[in-house]
Structures are given as C-alpha cells and as structure tokens.
Protein backbone atom coordinates (compact mmCIF):
# COMPACT_ATOMS: atom_id res chain seq x y z
CA MET A 1 13.59 -7.75 -38.84
CA GLY A 2 11.14 -6.17 -41.25
CA LYS A 3 12.00 -3.96 -44.18
CA ASP A 4 10.23 -1.89 -46.83
CA PHE A 5 12.03 -0.32 -49.79
CA ASP A 6 10.96 3.09 -51.12
CA GLU A 7 12.36 5.30 -53.84
CA ASN A 8 12.35 9.07 -53.16
CA ASP A 9 14.06 11.42 -55.60
CA ASP A 10 17.48 9.94 -56.35
CA GLU A 11 17.86 8.18 -53.00
CA MET A 12 16.58 4.76 -52.06
CA TYR A 13 15.15 4.26 -48.58
CA VAL A 14 14.41 1.20 -46.49
CA THR A 15 12.35 1.09 -43.30
CA LEU A 16 13.79 -1.37 -40.81
CA GLU A 17 11.90 -2.85 -37.90
CA LEU A 18 14.45 -3.38 -35.15
CA ASP A 19 14.39 -6.22 -32.63
CA ASP A 20 12.70 -3.97 -30.05
CA GLY A 21 9.83 -3.21 -32.47
CA THR A 22 10.85 0.35 -33.34
CA GLU A 23 11.04 1.41 -36.97
CA VAL A 24 13.96 3.32 -38.45
CA GLU A 25 13.93 4.86 -41.92
CA CYS A 26 17.36 4.55 -43.56
CA VAL A 27 19.00 5.78 -46.74
CA ILE A 28 20.70 3.04 -48.75
CA ILE A 29 24.35 4.09 -49.00
CA THR A 30 25.54 1.23 -51.19
CA ILE A 31 25.42 -2.48 -51.88
CA PHE A 32 28.91 -3.95 -51.92
CA GLU A 33 30.68 -7.31 -51.97
CA ALA A 34 32.87 -8.88 -49.30
CA ASN A 35 34.00 -12.52 -49.17
CA ASN A 36 31.95 -13.38 -52.30
CA ARG A 37 28.72 -12.24 -50.63
CA ASP A 38 26.67 -9.05 -51.07
CA TYR A 39 26.09 -6.64 -48.20
CA ILE A 40 24.14 -3.40 -47.83
CA ALA A 41 25.08 -0.27 -45.88
CA LEU A 42 22.24 1.81 -44.46
CA LEU A 43 22.32 5.25 -42.84
CA PRO A 44 19.43 6.13 -40.51
CA SER A 45 17.75 9.37 -41.59
CA GLU A 46 16.49 10.44 -38.15
CA GLY A 47 16.60 9.60 -34.46
CA LYS A 48 19.45 8.73 -32.12
CA GLU A 49 21.14 6.44 -34.65
CA ALA A 50 21.23 9.28 -37.23
CA ASP A 51 22.59 11.74 -34.65
CA ASP A 52 25.36 9.26 -33.81
CA GLY A 53 26.22 8.76 -37.51
CA GLU A 54 25.65 5.04 -37.05
CA VAL A 55 25.72 2.88 -40.21
CA PHE A 56 23.86 -0.43 -40.30
CA LEU A 57 25.44 -3.31 -42.23
CA TYR A 58 23.42 -6.36 -43.31
CA ARG A 59 23.75 -9.30 -45.67
CA TYR A 60 21.90 -8.51 -48.89
CA SER A 61 20.28 -10.91 -51.34
CA GLU A 62 17.32 -11.05 -53.67
CA ASP A 63 14.72 -13.78 -53.95
CA LYS A 64 13.83 -15.41 -57.28
CA ASP A 65 11.40 -12.54 -58.01
CA GLY A 66 14.08 -9.89 -57.42
CA ASN A 67 12.73 -8.75 -54.05
CA PRO A 68 15.45 -7.59 -51.64
CA ASP A 69 16.16 -9.56 -48.48
CA LEU A 70 18.30 -8.34 -45.55
CA THR A 71 19.67 -10.65 -42.88
CA ASN A 72 21.84 -10.04 -39.84
CA ILE A 73 25.57 -10.62 -39.99
CA GLU A 74 26.08 -13.71 -37.88
CA SER A 75 29.58 -13.48 -36.37
CA ASP A 76 32.11 -10.95 -35.14
CA GLU A 77 34.60 -12.26 -37.70
CA GLU A 78 32.17 -11.73 -40.57
CA PHE A 79 31.30 -8.26 -39.24
CA GLU A 80 35.01 -7.31 -39.15
CA VAL A 81 35.48 -8.36 -42.80
CA VAL A 82 32.33 -6.47 -43.87
CA SER A 83 33.26 -3.35 -41.88
CA GLU A 84 36.72 -3.31 -43.45
CA ALA A 85 35.25 -3.69 -46.96
CA PHE A 86 32.80 -0.85 -46.30
CA ASP A 87 35.62 1.37 -44.98
CA GLU A 88 37.60 0.66 -48.16
CA TRP A 89 34.53 1.61 -50.24
CA LEU A 90 34.21 4.88 -48.27
CA ASP A 91 37.90 5.65 -48.79
CA ALA A 92 37.49 5.08 -52.55
CA GLN A 93 34.49 7.43 -52.63
CA GLU A 94 36.42 10.17 -50.85
CA TYR A 95 39.37 9.66 -53.21
CA ASP A 96 37.08 9.91 -56.24
CA GLU A 97 35.61 13.19 -54.89
CA ILE A 98 39.07 14.68 -54.31
CA VAL A 99 40.41 13.60 -57.72
CA GLY A 100 37.19 14.76 -59.41
CA GLU A 101 37.48 18.23 -57.84
CA ASP A 102 41.14 18.56 -58.91
CA GLU A 103 40.30 17.73 -62.51
CA GLU A 104 37.70 20.49 -62.89
C-alpha cells in the first residue's frame, strides 16, 4: 500500500494505493489511540468509497525521521477494538458540537 501526505488549506490529505493498484485520495479525519497503539481514520474524498461514506482505518506510526507510515490492521479482533475506539471518538465529537452550540 502506497501513501503520499499533502496539506491543503486546513485539511490533511493522503493518497492511498489500494491492493488492486487504484489510487484513492482521502482526508485525514483523526489519529487516535486504541490498545496502546496509534491508528488513523481516513475518509475518501471521491469515488465509490466516498459515496458509500466508507472510512478506512489503518495502524499509524512514524519512522525515526518523523515520516508517517500506515499499515493494515491484521486481525478481526484488532479491527473490532479499533472500530469501537473510532466510534467513541466520533460520539465525543458530536457531543462537543452539541454542547458547543448550546453554550453560544
């Protein structure tokens, strides 16, 4: 899987090369922790995956020079833990938006 990071405006993008050789440009939603490991959530910006609202989850790390590295999640059990952590992050974001609107 290939990846290129790009900064546009206030959003960060990554271009993924999928196993079938196609490239998908994705917006970085967040980097979050689950089970003492960092993960990244990506939202495709166009194509079928974007139309479906599909979110890609990958392990996230940086090499000694600070360059990002994404790797596939290796097991269904790990994916379940990561999906649950991402869902909790999403719930917290929605809660913050609702509370923030009420305070104004």
